[in-house]
Amino acid sequence: MPGLLRGMARTAVVAGTATAVSNRVSRRQGNRWANQQARNAPEPEYAEPAPQRTDTNTKLAQLRELAQLRDSGVLDEAEFELQKSQILNS
């Protein structure tokens, strides 16, 4: 009886080890194939959309409003210039 149990235990250990090794090899190979496919994938044919730019009429309206705020004393000259440069560079 002890010889039978020892043989069964050995078989279980060998089978478990073989399964673990097989799974590891399969996972590694799958990762290699996925990486190879990612490297060989064609570049997308569409271009990234250009950033939204503010049209001239909107910029002019913002500048007029900004000038009114400066003239009414809400903004000082430094704040006005900062905001104006941000509007013109948008």
C-alpha atoms as a PDB file:
ATOM      1  CA  MET A   1       0.000   0.000   0.000  1.00  0.00           C
ATOM      2  CA  PRO A   2       2.706   2.593   0.817  1.00  0.00           C
ATOM      3  CA  GLY A   3       4.335   1.954  -2.560  1.00  0.00           C
ATOM      4  CA  LEU A   4       1.040   2.601  -4.302  1.00  0.00           C
ATOM      5  CA  LEU A   5       0.537   5.922  -2.472  1.00  0.00           C
ATOM      6  CA  ARG A   6       4.103   6.975  -3.230  1.00  0.00           C
ATOM      7  CA  GLY A   7       3.582   6.185  -6.935  1.00  0.00           C
ATOM      8  CA  MET A   8       0.320   8.128  -7.025  1.00  0.00           C
ATOM      9  CA  ALA A   9       1.902  11.110  -5.282  1.00  0.00           C
ATOM     10  CA  ARG A  10       4.829  11.083  -7.701  1.00  0.00           C
ATOM     11  CA  THR A  11       2.455  10.922 -10.667  1.00  0.00           C
ATOM     12  CA  ALA A  12       0.431  13.826  -9.281  1.00  0.00           C
ATOM     13  CA  VAL A  13       3.568  15.948  -8.813  1.00  0.00           C
ATOM     14  CA  VAL A  14       4.823  15.162 -12.323  1.00  0.00           C
ATOM     15  CA  ALA A  15       1.426  15.880 -13.880  1.00  0.00           C
ATOM     16  CA  GLY A  16       1.065  19.154 -11.954  1.00  0.00           C
ATOM     17  CA  THR A  17       4.537  20.282 -12.947  1.00  0.00           C
ATOM     18  CA  ALA A  18       3.926  19.393 -16.588  1.00  0.00           C
ATOM     19  CA  THR A  19       0.651  21.352 -16.581  1.00  0.00           C
ATOM     20  CA  ALA A  20       2.287  24.402 -15.014  1.00  0.00           C
ATOM     21  CA  VAL A  21       5.148  24.347 -17.519  1.00  0.00           C
ATOM     22  CA  SER A  22       2.780  23.869 -20.438  1.00  0.00           C
ATOM     23  CA  ASN A  23       0.607  26.793 -19.326  1.00  0.00           C
ATOM     24  CA  ARG A  24       3.646  29.016 -18.898  1.00  0.00           C
ATOM     25  CA  VAL A  25       4.968  28.164 -22.361  1.00  0.00           C
ATOM     26  CA  SER A  26       1.553  28.811 -23.928  1.00  0.00           C
ATOM     27  CA  ARG A  27       1.249  32.168 -22.166  1.00  0.00           C
ATOM     28  CA  ARG A  28       4.759  33.232 -23.244  1.00  0.00           C
ATOM     29  CA  GLN A  29       4.128  32.252 -26.847  1.00  0.00           C
ATOM     30  CA  GLY A  30       0.806  34.083 -26.855  1.00  0.00           C
ATOM     31  CA  ASN A  31       2.500  37.233 -25.550  1.00  0.00           C
ATOM     32  CA  ARG A  32       5.199  36.973 -28.227  1.00  0.00           C
ATOM     33  CA  TRP A  33       2.596  36.647 -30.979  1.00  0.00           C
ATOM     34  CA  ALA A  34       0.600  39.578 -29.601  1.00  0.00           C
ATOM     35  CA  ASN A  35       3.728  41.761 -29.466  1.00  0.00           C
ATOM     36  CA  GLN A  36       4.681  40.748 -33.004  1.00  0.00           C
ATOM     37  CA  GLN A  37       1.208  41.593 -34.288  1.00  0.00           C
ATOM     38  CA  ALA A  38       1.298  44.948 -32.503  1.00  0.00           C
ATOM     39  CA  ARG A  39       4.648  45.793 -34.126  1.00  0.00           C
ATOM     40  CA  ASN A  40       3.403  44.771 -37.574  1.00  0.00           C
ATOM     41  CA  ALA A  41       0.066  46.574 -37.297  1.00  0.00           C
ATOM     42  CA  PRO A  42      -0.384  49.281 -39.936  1.00  0.00           C
ATOM     43  CA  GLU A  43      -0.555  52.900 -38.875  1.00  0.00           C
ATOM     44  CA  PRO A  44      -4.081  54.323 -38.721  1.00  0.00           C
ATOM     45  CA  GLU A  45      -5.056  56.086 -41.922  1.00  0.00           C
ATOM     46  CA  TYR A  46      -6.866  58.959 -40.272  1.00  0.00           C
ATOM     47  CA  ALA A  47      -5.218  62.112 -39.026  1.00  0.00           C
ATOM     48  CA  GLU A  48      -5.726  63.459 -35.570  1.00  0.00           C
ATOM     49  CA  PRO A  49      -8.252  66.282 -35.544  1.00  0.00           C
ATOM     50  CA  ALA A  50      -6.738  69.731 -35.444  1.00  0.00           C
ATOM     51  CA  PRO A  51      -7.280  71.619 -32.206  1.00  0.00           C
ATOM     52  CA  GLN A  52     -10.330  73.832 -32.235  1.00  0.00           C
ATOM     53  CA  ARG A  53      -9.402  77.391 -33.093  1.00  0.00           C
ATOM     54  CA  THR A  54     -11.509  80.400 -32.225  1.00  0.00           C
ATOM     55  CA  ASP A  55     -12.765  82.287 -35.271  1.00  0.00           C
ATOM     56  CA  THR A  56     -11.883  85.951 -35.835  1.00  0.00           C
ATOM     57  CA  ASN A  57     -15.331  87.328 -35.002  1.00  0.00           C
ATOM     58  CA  THR A  58     -15.337  85.577 -31.635  1.00  0.00           C
ATOM     59  CA  LYS A  59     -11.852  86.894 -30.853  1.00  0.00           C
ATOM     60  CA  LEU A  60     -12.875  90.435 -31.752  1.00  0.00           C
ATOM     61  CA  ALA A  61     -15.941  90.216 -29.523  1.00  0.00           C
ATOM     62  CA  GLN A  62     -13.825  88.927 -26.637  1.00  0.00           C
ATOM     63  CA  LEU A  63     -11.289  91.743 -27.136  1.00  0.00           C
ATOM     64  CA  ARG A  64     -14.069  94.369 -27.170  1.00  0.00           C
ATOM     65  CA  GLU A  65     -15.504  92.965 -23.948  1.00  0.00           C
ATOM     66  CA  LEU A  66     -12.029  92.889 -22.416  1.00  0.00           C
ATOM     67  CA  ALA A  67     -11.448  96.548 -23.404  1.00  0.00           C
ATOM     68  CA  GLN A  68     -14.753  97.518 -21.794  1.00  0.00           C
ATOM     69  CA  LEU A  69     -13.705  95.804 -18.576  1.00  0.00           C
ATOM     70  CA  ARG A  70     -10.393  97.683 -18.658  1.00  0.00           C
ATOM     71  CA  ASP A  71     -12.100 101.005 -19.385  1.00  0.00           C
ATOM     72  CA  SER A  72     -14.569 100.498 -16.542  1.00  0.00           C
ATOM     73  CA  GLY A  73     -11.710  99.768 -14.102  1.00  0.00           C
ATOM     74  CA  VAL A  74     -12.444  96.091 -13.513  1.00  0.00           C
ATOM     75  CA  LEU A  75      -9.098  95.110 -15.067  1.00  0.00           C
ATOM     76  CA  ASP A  76      -5.801  96.929 -14.754  1.00  0.00           C
ATOM     77  CA  GLU A  77      -3.414  97.270 -17.708  1.00  0.00           C
ATOM     78  CA  ALA A  78      -1.310  94.170 -16.810  1.00  0.00           C
ATOM     79  CA  GLU A  79      -4.382  91.927 -16.507  1.00  0.00           C
ATOM     80  CA  PHE A  80      -5.726  93.335 -19.756  1.00  0.00           C
ATOM     81  CA  GLU A  81      -2.488  92.565 -21.619  1.00  0.00           C
ATOM     82  CA  LEU A  82      -2.345  89.027 -20.198  1.00  0.00           C
ATOM     83  CA  GLN A  83      -5.927  88.243 -21.184  1.00  0.00           C
ATOM     84  CA  LYS A  84      -5.453  89.867 -24.592  1.00  0.00           C
ATOM     85  CA  SER A  85      -2.406  87.718 -25.357  1.00  0.00           C
ATOM     86  CA  GLN A  86      -4.300  84.579 -24.327  1.00  0.00           C
ATOM     87  CA  ILE A  87      -7.194  85.473 -26.630  1.00  0.00           C
ATOM     88  CA  LEU A  88      -4.906  86.258 -29.560  1.00  0.00           C
ATOM     89  CA  ASN A  89      -2.916  83.025 -29.108  1.00  0.00           C
ATOM     90  CA  SER A  90      -5.963  80.761 -28.913  1.00  0.00           C
END
